[in-house]
Amino acid sequence: MRNAPIAKVPLVCAMGLATMLALTSTPAAADYYQYTYTGNPFTVTTTTWYPWEGDPRNGRTFALLSMDVVIISDRLLTGVVTAADVRSFSIILRDMNGLVTDRLTIPAAPHEVCPVCPDYGPFIGGTLNINGFNELNQPYQWNIQASYYMGSPTGRADRLNLSTSSTGLIYESLDMVEGGYDGAYARQGGLVNSPGVWAMAVLVPEPSTYALMLGGVGLLAGLARRRSRVRR
């Protein structure tokens, strides 16, 4: 049995690869860049109180939490960046087991409102400002905030504020007593002079990356096929 010249296999693969690279010379619009911030643990104090004296539930408890940020962008971020320059960003609070306790994502999904009722929320908003990147394309000066507010007809309101900057972290959560409730809680914590760690990754490879991968697979397949014929 005659074997096909090995030179034909790389030639065909090279031509196909060149065609794909020519058609995908520009980055794909679907490529997403993910910037991830990992903060250091900090102490959160939870204070509960009740209107009657001597209740054993009055007091304080302490816990360690950490605050992370995830930014999704259509492009590589440079220079000055605001919320209008990214697809979304999330501030995430985790316990020491890695479980998410709170998450605020901007822009938030719209909530349904009764046409004839007051709108009590939830209202979620936030700001993002990055004023510079280092040589590794990681933010070195930033201020990112997100807040949550939910009311009720009786006057009760839940608030949550998360903030991270290049100088520290702030966490505040409050169950407000505005209408004669039996009790409430307040959680507060923060960390100063602890900038945390940033990392950047491409979530979806560019078409040129796919082309290189396919070209390499084609070359390996051609060589494997020729070797199997030679052994016969």
Protein backbone atom coordinates (compact mmCIF):
# COMPACT_ATOMS: atom_id res chain seq x y z
CA MET A 1 0.00 0.00 0.00
CA ARG A 2 1.37 3.37 -0.97
CA ASN A 3 1.57 5.99 1.71
CA ALA A 4 0.52 9.59 1.11
CA PRO A 5 3.50 11.93 1.27
CA ILE A 6 3.79 13.42 4.73
CA ALA A 7 4.49 16.82 3.18
CA LYS A 8 0.90 17.03 1.98
CA VAL A 9 -0.55 16.81 5.50
CA PRO A 10 1.28 19.82 7.00
CA LEU A 11 0.69 21.77 3.78
CA VAL A 12 -3.06 21.29 3.92
CA CYS A 13 -3.17 22.08 7.63
CA ALA A 14 -0.99 25.16 7.19
CA MET A 15 -3.24 26.46 4.40
CA GLY A 16 -6.34 25.92 6.50
CA LEU A 17 -4.70 27.57 9.50
CA ALA A 18 -3.61 30.57 7.45
CA THR A 19 -7.15 31.00 6.12
CA MET A 20 -8.67 30.89 9.60
CA LEU A 21 -6.14 33.38 10.97
CA ALA A 22 -6.82 35.72 8.07
CA LEU A 23 -10.54 35.60 8.73
CA THR A 24 -10.06 36.15 12.47
CA SER A 25 -7.34 38.76 12.52
CA THR A 26 -9.32 40.98 14.91
CA PRO A 27 -10.37 40.00 18.43
CA ALA A 28 -13.86 38.62 18.80
CA ALA A 29 -16.51 40.86 20.31
CA ALA A 30 -17.61 37.99 22.54
CA ASP A 31 -14.33 37.87 24.46
CA TYR A 32 -14.82 38.69 28.14
CA TYR A 33 -12.12 39.86 30.51
CA GLN A 34 -12.60 39.05 34.19
CA TYR A 35 -10.88 41.10 36.88
CA THR A 36 -11.01 39.47 40.30
CA TYR A 37 -10.14 41.11 43.60
CA THR A 38 -9.54 38.97 46.69
CA GLY A 39 -9.57 40.80 49.99
CA ASN A 40 -8.07 39.76 53.28
CA PRO A 41 -10.29 38.54 56.15
CA PHE A 42 -11.61 41.12 58.58
CA THR A 43 -13.68 41.05 61.78
CA VAL A 44 -17.42 41.77 61.62
CA THR A 45 -19.29 42.66 64.80
CA THR A 46 -22.98 41.73 64.98
CA THR A 47 -25.00 43.64 67.56
CA THR A 48 -28.55 42.61 68.44
CA TRP A 49 -30.92 44.47 70.71
CA TYR A 50 -34.48 44.13 71.97
CA PRO A 51 -36.78 46.65 73.62
CA TRP A 52 -37.13 44.81 76.92
CA GLU A 53 -34.30 44.68 79.41
CA GLY A 54 -32.66 41.46 80.45
CA ASP A 55 -33.25 39.59 77.18
CA PRO A 56 -30.44 36.99 76.87
CA ARG A 57 -30.21 37.63 73.11
CA ASN A 58 -28.94 41.16 73.62
CA GLY A 59 -25.20 41.38 73.02
CA ARG A 60 -22.49 41.07 70.39
CA THR A 61 -20.98 38.29 68.33
CA PHE A 62 -17.89 38.32 66.12
CA ALA A 63 -17.03 36.59 62.84
CA LEU A 64 -14.34 36.66 60.18
CA LEU A 65 -15.46 37.52 56.65
CA SER A 66 -13.71 38.43 53.39
CA MET A 67 -14.81 40.69 50.56
CA ASP A 68 -14.20 39.90 46.87
CA VAL A 69 -14.93 41.79 43.65
CA VAL A 70 -15.56 40.39 40.17
CA ILE A 71 -15.56 42.73 37.16
CA ILE A 72 -16.62 41.52 33.69
CA SER A 73 -15.53 43.61 30.69
CA ASP A 74 -15.72 43.32 26.91
CA ARG A 75 -12.22 44.75 26.55
CA LEU A 76 -8.89 44.99 28.28
CA LEU A 77 -9.23 47.81 30.79
CA THR A 78 -6.74 50.66 30.82
CA GLY A 79 -6.56 54.22 32.08
CA VAL A 80 -9.57 55.58 33.97
CA VAL A 81 -12.51 53.16 34.20
CA THR A 82 -16.07 53.66 35.49
CA ALA A 83 -19.15 51.43 35.67
CA ALA A 84 -20.12 52.56 32.16
CA ASP A 85 -16.96 50.89 30.77
CA VAL A 86 -17.71 47.35 32.03
CA ARG A 87 -20.48 44.81 31.54
CA SER A 88 -21.03 44.24 35.27
CA PHE A 89 -19.34 44.11 38.63
CA SER A 90 -20.14 42.24 41.82
CA ILE A 91 -19.08 42.69 45.43
CA ILE A 92 -19.18 39.39 47.27
CA LEU A 93 -18.94 38.68 50.98
CA ARG A 94 -17.76 35.23 52.10
CA ASP A 95 -17.33 33.44 55.38
CA MET A 96 -14.19 31.52 56.29
CA ASN A 97 -15.60 28.37 54.67
CA GLY A 98 -15.83 30.18 51.34
CA LEU A 99 -19.63 30.33 51.40
CA VAL A 100 -21.26 33.48 50.01
CA THR A 101 -23.20 35.41 52.65
CA ASP A 102 -24.00 38.52 50.59
CA ARG A 103 -23.66 39.44 46.93
CA LEU A 104 -24.50 42.70 45.17
CA THR A 105 -24.29 42.79 41.37
CA ILE A 106 -24.43 45.96 39.28
CA PRO A 107 -26.45 46.43 37.14
CA ALA A 108 -29.12 44.68 39.17
CA ALA A 109 -32.03 42.78 37.68
CA PRO A 110 -35.24 44.87 37.62
CA HIS A 111 -37.84 44.03 40.24
CA GLU A 112 -41.58 43.85 39.75
CA VAL A 113 -43.62 46.75 41.09
CA CYS A 114 -47.32 46.75 41.83
CA PRO A 115 -48.88 49.52 39.66
CA VAL A 116 -51.08 50.75 42.53
CA CYS A 117 -48.69 50.09 45.43
CA PRO A 118 -45.68 51.97 46.81
CA ASP A 119 -42.33 50.69 45.62
CA TYR A 120 -40.39 49.36 48.61
CA GLY A 121 -37.57 47.86 46.57
CA PRO A 122 -35.20 46.20 46.63
CA PHE A 123 -33.11 49.10 45.39
CA ILE A 124 -29.56 48.12 44.39
CA GLY A 125 -26.98 50.59 43.18
CA GLY A 126 -23.27 51.10 43.05
CA THR A 127 -20.28 52.94 41.66
CA LEU A 128 -16.98 51.81 40.19
CA ASN A 129 -13.92 53.99 39.70
CA ILE A 130 -10.48 52.72 38.73
CA ASN A 131 -7.85 55.41 38.24
CA GLY A 132 -4.84 53.37 37.18
CA PHE A 133 -3.36 49.99 36.26
CA ASN A 134 0.11 48.58 36.81
CA GLU A 135 2.35 46.80 34.29
CA LEU A 136 0.42 43.54 34.86
CA ASN A 137 -2.87 45.27 33.96
CA GLN A 138 -4.07 45.11 37.56
CA PRO A 139 -5.78 48.08 39.26
CA TYR A 140 -3.61 49.90 41.76
CA GLN A 141 -6.03 52.71 42.66
CA TRP A 142 -9.77 52.01 42.88
CA ASN A 143 -12.99 52.75 44.73
CA ILE A 144 -15.91 50.33 44.32
CA GLN A 145 -19.19 50.53 46.22
CA ALA A 146 -22.55 48.75 46.18
CA SER A 147 -25.64 49.19 48.34
CA TYR A 148 -28.95 47.46 48.98
CA TYR A 149 -32.17 48.83 50.48
CA MET A 150 -35.45 47.04 51.10
CA GLY A 151 -38.39 48.64 52.89
CA SER A 152 -41.82 47.48 54.03
CA PRO A 153 -45.23 49.09 54.58
CA THR A 154 -44.76 48.92 58.35
CA GLY A 155 -41.57 50.94 58.34
CA ARG A 156 -38.99 48.16 58.59
CA ALA A 157 -35.94 48.62 56.37
CA ASP A 158 -32.93 46.40 55.61
CA ARG A 159 -29.75 48.10 54.43
CA LEU A 160 -26.49 46.66 53.17
CA ASN A 161 -23.43 48.64 52.15
CA LEU A 162 -20.25 47.11 50.73
CA SER A 163 -17.23 49.16 49.78
CA THR A 164 -13.69 48.35 48.74
CA SER A 165 -10.88 50.70 47.81
CA SER A 166 -7.12 50.68 47.50
CA THR A 167 -6.94 51.75 51.15
CA GLY A 168 -9.42 49.40 52.81
CA LEU A 169 -12.78 47.63 53.07
CA ILE A 170 -16.07 48.63 54.69
CA TYR A 171 -19.06 46.40 55.44
CA GLU A 172 -22.30 47.61 57.01
CA SER A 173 -25.61 45.77 57.35
CA LEU A 174 -28.57 47.08 59.33
CA ASP A 175 -32.06 45.84 60.07
CA MET A 176 -33.64 49.13 61.04
CA VAL A 177 -36.43 49.43 63.59
CA GLU A 178 -38.70 52.20 62.39
CA GLY A 179 -42.14 50.89 63.26
CA GLY A 180 -42.23 49.23 66.67
CA TYR A 181 -40.47 45.94 65.93
CA ASP A 182 -39.42 43.58 68.68
CA GLY A 183 -35.77 43.69 67.78
CA ALA A 184 -33.11 44.40 65.22
CA TYR A 185 -29.49 43.78 64.38
CA ALA A 186 -26.53 45.73 63.06
CA ARG A 187 -23.40 44.24 61.50
CA GLN A 188 -20.32 46.33 60.91
CA GLY A 189 -16.73 45.63 59.99
CA GLY A 190 -13.82 46.88 57.98
CA LEU A 191 -10.14 46.68 57.22
CA VAL A 192 -7.76 49.58 56.62
CA ASN A 193 -4.46 49.60 54.70
CA SER A 194 -4.99 46.14 53.21
CA PRO A 195 -5.27 46.43 49.42
CA GLY A 196 -5.79 42.71 48.68
CA VAL A 197 -4.84 40.99 45.41
CA TRP A 198 -6.07 41.54 41.83
CA ALA A 199 -5.96 39.02 38.99
CA MET A 200 -7.09 39.14 35.35
CA ALA A 201 -8.20 36.31 33.06
CA VAL A 202 -9.78 35.95 29.61
CA LEU A 203 -13.02 34.02 29.94
CA VAL A 204 -13.52 33.20 26.23
CA PRO A 205 -10.50 32.60 23.95
CA GLU A 206 -10.20 34.69 20.80
CA PRO A 207 -10.90 33.00 17.43
CA SER A 208 -7.20 33.08 16.60
CA THR A 209 -6.59 30.94 19.69
CA TYR A 210 -9.16 28.44 18.46
CA ALA A 211 -7.46 28.46 15.04
CA LEU A 212 -4.07 27.65 16.55
CA MET A 213 -5.59 24.86 18.61
CA LEU A 214 -7.39 23.35 15.61
CA GLY A 215 -4.27 23.65 13.47
CA GLY A 216 -2.21 21.82 16.09
CA VAL A 217 -4.80 19.08 16.41
CA GLY A 218 -4.86 18.69 12.62
CA LEU A 219 -1.09 18.29 12.44
CA LEU A 220 -1.07 15.70 15.22
CA ALA A 221 -3.91 13.79 13.58
CA GLY A 222 -2.07 13.74 10.23
CA LEU A 223 1.15 12.47 11.79
CA ALA A 224 -0.69 9.80 13.78
CA ARG A 225 -2.48 8.60 10.65
CA ARG A 226 0.76 8.34 8.67
CA ARG A 227 2.48 6.37 11.45
CA SER A 228 -0.41 3.92 11.59
CA ARG A 229 -0.11 3.33 7.81
CA VAL A 230 3.65 2.83 8.01
CA ARG A 231 3.24 0.14 10.68
CA ARG A 232 0.96 -1.82 8.36
